[in-house]
Amino acid sequence: MPAVINDVESLKIFRGQLGETSENLREQLRKTDQSIETVAQGWKDIQFDKFQQGFEEDKEIIEPLCKEIDEFNYEVLNRLQMILERYLSLG
């Protein structure tokens, strides 16, 4: 059986990167949403409507993805990190 990777520091870094990715996605969605609202107040045409609809469709995918990333990070990776820390403290 191959050796199990038990590098807690790498796991912490990965968890941090996942959290940042989720936060960055949410922030970009928020900024884009605000920009669309600003543009919508002064300019609307068929192309803008298509773009706005496409953004709404993307948002419906990205928001749940962010939630899944956060849940995986906390429920799976956090638990794995705690188990590894306990395991390493035995030795």
N, C-alpha and C. Protein backbone atom coordinates (compact mmCIF):
# COMPACT_ATOMS: atom_id res chain seq x y z
N MET A 1 0.85 -1.18 0.00
CA MET A 1 0.00 0.00 0.00
C MET A 1 0.90 1.24 0.00
N PRO A 2 0.62 2.20 -0.87
CA PRO A 2 1.44 3.42 -0.90
C PRO A 2 1.33 4.18 0.42
N ALA A 3 2.37 4.90 0.71
CA ALA A 3 2.39 5.69 1.94
C ALA A 3 1.32 6.78 1.89
N VAL A 4 0.74 7.05 3.03
CA VAL A 4 -0.25 8.12 3.15
C VAL A 4 0.49 9.44 3.33
N ILE A 5 0.06 10.44 2.61
CA ILE A 5 0.67 11.76 2.76
C ILE A 5 0.07 12.38 4.02
N ASN A 6 0.92 12.73 4.95
CA ASN A 6 0.43 13.30 6.21
C ASN A 6 1.09 14.65 6.50
N ASP A 7 1.14 15.46 5.50
CA ASP A 7 1.75 16.79 5.61
C ASP A 7 0.66 17.80 5.98
N VAL A 8 0.54 18.05 7.27
CA VAL A 8 -0.51 18.93 7.77
C VAL A 8 -0.33 20.36 7.26
N GLU A 9 0.90 20.81 7.16
CA GLU A 9 1.15 22.18 6.67
C GLU A 9 0.65 22.36 5.24
N SER A 10 0.92 21.38 4.39
CA SER A 10 0.43 21.45 3.01
C SER A 10 -1.09 21.44 2.96
N LEU A 11 -1.70 20.65 3.83
CA LEU A 11 -3.15 20.59 3.90
C LEU A 11 -3.72 21.94 4.35
N LYS A 12 -3.09 22.57 5.33
CA LYS A 12 -3.53 23.90 5.79
C LYS A 12 -3.43 24.92 4.66
N ILE A 13 -2.32 24.87 3.93
CA ILE A 13 -2.12 25.80 2.81
C ILE A 13 -3.20 25.57 1.75
N PHE A 14 -3.46 24.32 1.43
CA PHE A 14 -4.49 23.99 0.44
C PHE A 14 -5.86 24.47 0.90
N ARG A 15 -6.17 24.25 2.16
CA ARG A 15 -7.46 24.71 2.70
C ARG A 15 -7.56 26.23 2.60
N GLY A 16 -6.48 26.91 2.90
CA GLY A 16 -6.47 28.37 2.79
C GLY A 16 -6.69 28.83 1.35
N GLN A 17 -6.05 28.14 0.43
CA GLN A 17 -6.21 28.48 -0.99
C GLN A 17 -7.64 28.24 -1.46
N LEU A 18 -8.23 27.14 -1.01
CA LEU A 18 -9.63 26.88 -1.37
C LEU A 18 -10.54 27.97 -0.83
N GLY A 19 -10.32 28.35 0.42
CA GLY A 19 -11.12 29.42 1.02
C GLY A 19 -10.97 30.73 0.27
N GLU A 20 -9.74 31.06 -0.10
CA GLU A 20 -9.49 32.29 -0.87
C GLU A 20 -10.18 32.24 -2.23
N THR A 21 -10.12 31.09 -2.87
CA THR A 21 -10.76 30.93 -4.18
C THR A 21 -12.26 31.18 -4.07
N SER A 22 -12.87 30.59 -3.08
CA SER A 22 -14.30 30.78 -2.86
C SER A 22 -14.63 32.24 -2.58
N GLU A 23 -13.86 32.88 -1.73
CA GLU A 23 -14.07 34.29 -1.41
C GLU A 23 -13.88 35.17 -2.64
N ASN A 24 -12.83 34.88 -3.42
CA ASN A 24 -12.57 35.66 -4.63
C ASN A 24 -13.69 35.52 -5.65
N LEU A 25 -14.20 34.32 -5.81
CA LEU A 25 -15.32 34.12 -6.73
C LEU A 25 -16.54 34.93 -6.29
N ARG A 26 -16.83 34.88 -5.00
CA ARG A 26 -17.97 35.65 -4.49
C ARG A 26 -17.77 37.15 -4.68
N GLU A 27 -16.56 37.61 -4.44
CA GLU A 27 -16.27 39.04 -4.59
C GLU A 27 -16.40 39.46 -6.05
N GLN A 28 -15.90 38.65 -6.96
CA GLN A 28 -16.01 38.98 -8.38
C GLN A 28 -17.47 38.98 -8.84
N LEU A 29 -18.25 38.04 -8.32
CA LEU A 29 -19.69 38.04 -8.64
C LEU A 29 -20.35 39.31 -8.14
N ARG A 30 -20.01 39.71 -6.93
CA ARG A 30 -20.60 40.92 -6.35
C ARG A 30 -20.23 42.14 -7.18
N LYS A 31 -18.95 42.26 -7.54
CA LYS A 31 -18.50 43.41 -8.33
C LYS A 31 -19.16 43.44 -9.70
N THR A 32 -19.23 42.29 -10.34
CA THR A 32 -19.85 42.23 -11.66
C THR A 32 -21.33 42.56 -11.57
N ASP A 33 -21.98 42.06 -10.55
CA ASP A 33 -23.40 42.36 -10.34
C ASP A 33 -23.62 43.86 -10.16
N GLN A 34 -22.76 44.50 -9.38
CA GLN A 34 -22.87 45.95 -9.19
C GLN A 34 -22.63 46.70 -10.50
N SER A 35 -21.65 46.26 -11.26
CA SER A 35 -21.36 46.91 -12.54
C SER A 35 -22.52 46.76 -13.51
N ILE A 36 -23.11 45.59 -13.53
CA ILE A 36 -24.26 45.36 -14.41
C ILE A 36 -25.41 46.28 -14.01
N GLU A 37 -25.63 46.42 -12.72
CA GLU A 37 -26.70 47.31 -12.25
C GLU A 37 -26.43 48.75 -12.67
N THR A 38 -25.20 49.17 -12.56
CA THR A 38 -24.83 50.53 -12.96
C THR A 38 -25.07 50.75 -14.45
N VAL A 39 -24.62 49.82 -15.26
CA VAL A 39 -24.80 49.93 -16.70
C VAL A 39 -26.28 49.87 -17.07
N ALA A 40 -27.02 49.02 -16.40
CA ALA A 40 -28.45 48.84 -16.71
C ALA A 40 -29.24 50.13 -16.51
N GLN A 41 -28.79 50.99 -15.63
CA GLN A 41 -29.51 52.24 -15.38
C GLN A 41 -29.42 53.20 -16.55
N GLY A 42 -28.39 53.10 -17.36
CA GLY A 42 -28.22 54.07 -18.43
C GLY A 42 -28.17 53.49 -19.83
N TRP A 43 -28.04 52.18 -19.93
CA TRP A 43 -27.86 51.62 -21.27
C TRP A 43 -28.40 50.20 -21.31
N LYS A 44 -29.31 49.98 -22.21
CA LYS A 44 -29.85 48.63 -22.39
C LYS A 44 -30.10 48.41 -23.87
N ASP A 45 -29.68 47.29 -24.36
CA ASP A 45 -30.00 46.86 -25.70
C ASP A 45 -30.01 45.34 -25.71
N ILE A 46 -30.20 44.76 -26.86
CA ILE A 46 -30.30 43.30 -26.95
C ILE A 46 -29.02 42.62 -26.49
N GLN A 47 -27.86 43.16 -26.88
CA GLN A 47 -26.58 42.57 -26.47
C GLN A 47 -26.41 42.63 -24.95
N PHE A 48 -26.78 43.75 -24.37
CA PHE A 48 -26.67 43.88 -22.92
C PHE A 48 -27.60 42.88 -22.24
N ASP A 49 -28.81 42.74 -22.75
CA ASP A 49 -29.76 41.77 -22.17
C ASP A 49 -29.20 40.36 -22.24
N LYS A 50 -28.55 40.02 -23.36
CA LYS A 50 -27.94 38.68 -23.50
C LYS A 50 -26.82 38.50 -22.48
N PHE A 51 -25.98 39.52 -22.34
CA PHE A 51 -24.89 39.46 -21.38
C PHE A 51 -25.43 39.31 -19.96
N GLN A 52 -26.44 40.11 -19.64
CA GLN A 52 -27.02 40.06 -18.30
C GLN A 52 -27.63 38.69 -18.02
N GLN A 53 -28.32 38.13 -19.00
CA GLN A 53 -28.91 36.80 -18.83
C GLN A 53 -27.81 35.75 -18.65
N GLY A 54 -26.76 35.84 -19.45
CA GLY A 54 -25.64 34.91 -19.31
C GLY A 54 -24.98 34.99 -17.95
N PHE A 55 -24.84 36.21 -17.46
CA PHE A 55 -24.25 36.40 -16.12
C PHE A 55 -25.14 35.76 -15.06
N GLU A 56 -26.43 35.96 -15.16
CA GLU A 56 -27.35 35.38 -14.18
C GLU A 56 -27.27 33.85 -14.20
N GLU A 57 -27.14 33.28 -15.39
CA GLU A 57 -27.00 31.82 -15.49
C GLU A 57 -25.68 31.36 -14.86
N ASP A 58 -24.61 32.08 -15.12
CA ASP A 58 -23.33 31.74 -14.51
C ASP A 58 -23.38 31.87 -13.00
N LYS A 59 -24.04 32.91 -12.53
CA LYS A 59 -24.16 33.14 -11.09
C LYS A 59 -24.90 31.98 -10.40
N GLU A 60 -25.89 31.44 -11.09
CA GLU A 60 -26.65 30.31 -10.53
C GLU A 60 -25.79 29.06 -10.41
N ILE A 61 -24.71 29.00 -11.16
CA ILE A 61 -23.77 27.87 -11.07
C ILE A 61 -22.67 28.18 -10.05
N ILE A 62 -22.13 29.39 -10.10
CA ILE A 62 -20.97 29.73 -9.28
C ILE A 62 -21.32 29.85 -7.80
N GLU A 63 -22.46 30.43 -7.48
CA GLU A 63 -22.81 30.58 -6.06
C GLU A 63 -22.92 29.22 -5.35
N PRO A 64 -23.63 28.23 -5.94
CA PRO A 64 -23.65 26.92 -5.28
C PRO A 64 -22.28 26.26 -5.25
N LEU A 65 -21.46 26.50 -6.27
CA LEU A 65 -20.11 25.95 -6.29
C LEU A 65 -19.30 26.49 -5.11
N CYS A 66 -19.41 27.79 -4.86
CA CYS A 66 -18.71 28.38 -3.71
C CYS A 66 -19.16 27.72 -2.41
N LYS A 67 -20.45 27.48 -2.30
CA LYS A 67 -20.98 26.83 -1.09
C LYS A 67 -20.43 25.41 -0.96
N GLU A 68 -20.36 24.69 -2.08
CA GLU A 68 -19.81 23.34 -2.04
C GLU A 68 -18.33 23.34 -1.67
N ILE A 69 -17.59 24.30 -2.19
CA ILE A 69 -16.17 24.42 -1.84
C ILE A 69 -16.03 24.65 -0.34
N ASP A 70 -16.82 25.58 0.20
CA ASP A 70 -16.75 25.88 1.64
C ASP A 70 -17.11 24.66 2.48
N GLU A 71 -18.17 23.95 2.07
CA GLU A 71 -18.58 22.75 2.81
C GLU A 71 -17.52 21.67 2.75
N PHE A 72 -16.93 21.43 1.57
CA PHE A 72 -15.88 20.43 1.43
C PHE A 72 -14.68 20.81 2.30
N ASN A 73 -14.32 22.09 2.25
CA ASN A 73 -13.18 22.57 3.02
C ASN A 73 -13.41 22.32 4.50
N TYR A 74 -14.59 22.66 4.98
CA TYR A 74 -14.84 22.52 6.41
C TYR A 74 -15.16 21.08 6.81
N GLU A 75 -16.09 20.46 6.11
CA GLU A 75 -16.57 19.14 6.54
C GLU A 75 -15.58 18.01 6.26
N VAL A 76 -14.86 18.09 5.15
CA VAL A 76 -13.96 16.99 4.78
C VAL A 76 -12.51 17.32 5.14
N LEU A 77 -12.01 18.43 4.59
CA LEU A 77 -10.60 18.73 4.79
C LEU A 77 -10.29 19.13 6.23
N ASN A 78 -11.17 19.86 6.87
CA ASN A 78 -10.94 20.22 8.27
C ASN A 78 -10.91 18.97 9.15
N ARG A 79 -11.82 18.06 8.88
CA ARG A 79 -11.85 16.80 9.64
C ARG A 79 -10.56 16.00 9.39
N LEU A 80 -10.14 15.94 8.14
CA LEU A 80 -8.90 15.24 7.81
C LEU A 80 -7.71 15.89 8.51
N GLN A 81 -7.69 17.19 8.52
CA GLN A 81 -6.59 17.90 9.19
C GLN A 81 -6.57 17.56 10.68
N MET A 82 -7.72 17.55 11.31
CA MET A 82 -7.78 17.22 12.75
C MET A 82 -7.30 15.79 13.00
N ILE A 83 -7.70 14.86 12.14
CA ILE A 83 -7.28 13.46 12.29
C ILE A 83 -5.76 13.35 12.13
N LEU A 84 -5.23 14.01 11.11
CA LEU A 84 -3.78 13.96 10.89
C LEU A 84 -3.02 14.57 12.06
N GLU A 85 -3.51 15.69 12.58
CA GLU A 85 -2.84 16.32 13.72
C GLU A 85 -2.84 15.39 14.93
N ARG A 86 -3.96 14.72 15.17
CA ARG A 86 -4.02 13.77 16.29
C ARG A 86 -3.06 12.60 16.05
N TYR A 87 -3.06 12.07 14.83
CA TYR A 87 -2.17 10.97 14.47
C TYR A 87 -0.71 11.34 14.67
N LEU A 88 -0.34 12.52 14.18
CA LEU A 88 1.05 12.95 14.29
C LEU A 88 1.46 13.25 15.73
N SER A 89 0.50 13.63 16.55
CA SER A 89 0.83 13.90 17.95
C SER A 89 1.09 12.63 18.75
N LEU A 90 0.70 11.48 18.22
CA LEU A 90 0.93 10.20 18.88
C LEU A 90 2.40 9.78 18.80
N GLY A 91 3.07 10.26 17.77
CA GLY A 91 4.45 9.79 17.51
C GLY A 91 5.43 10.68 18.09
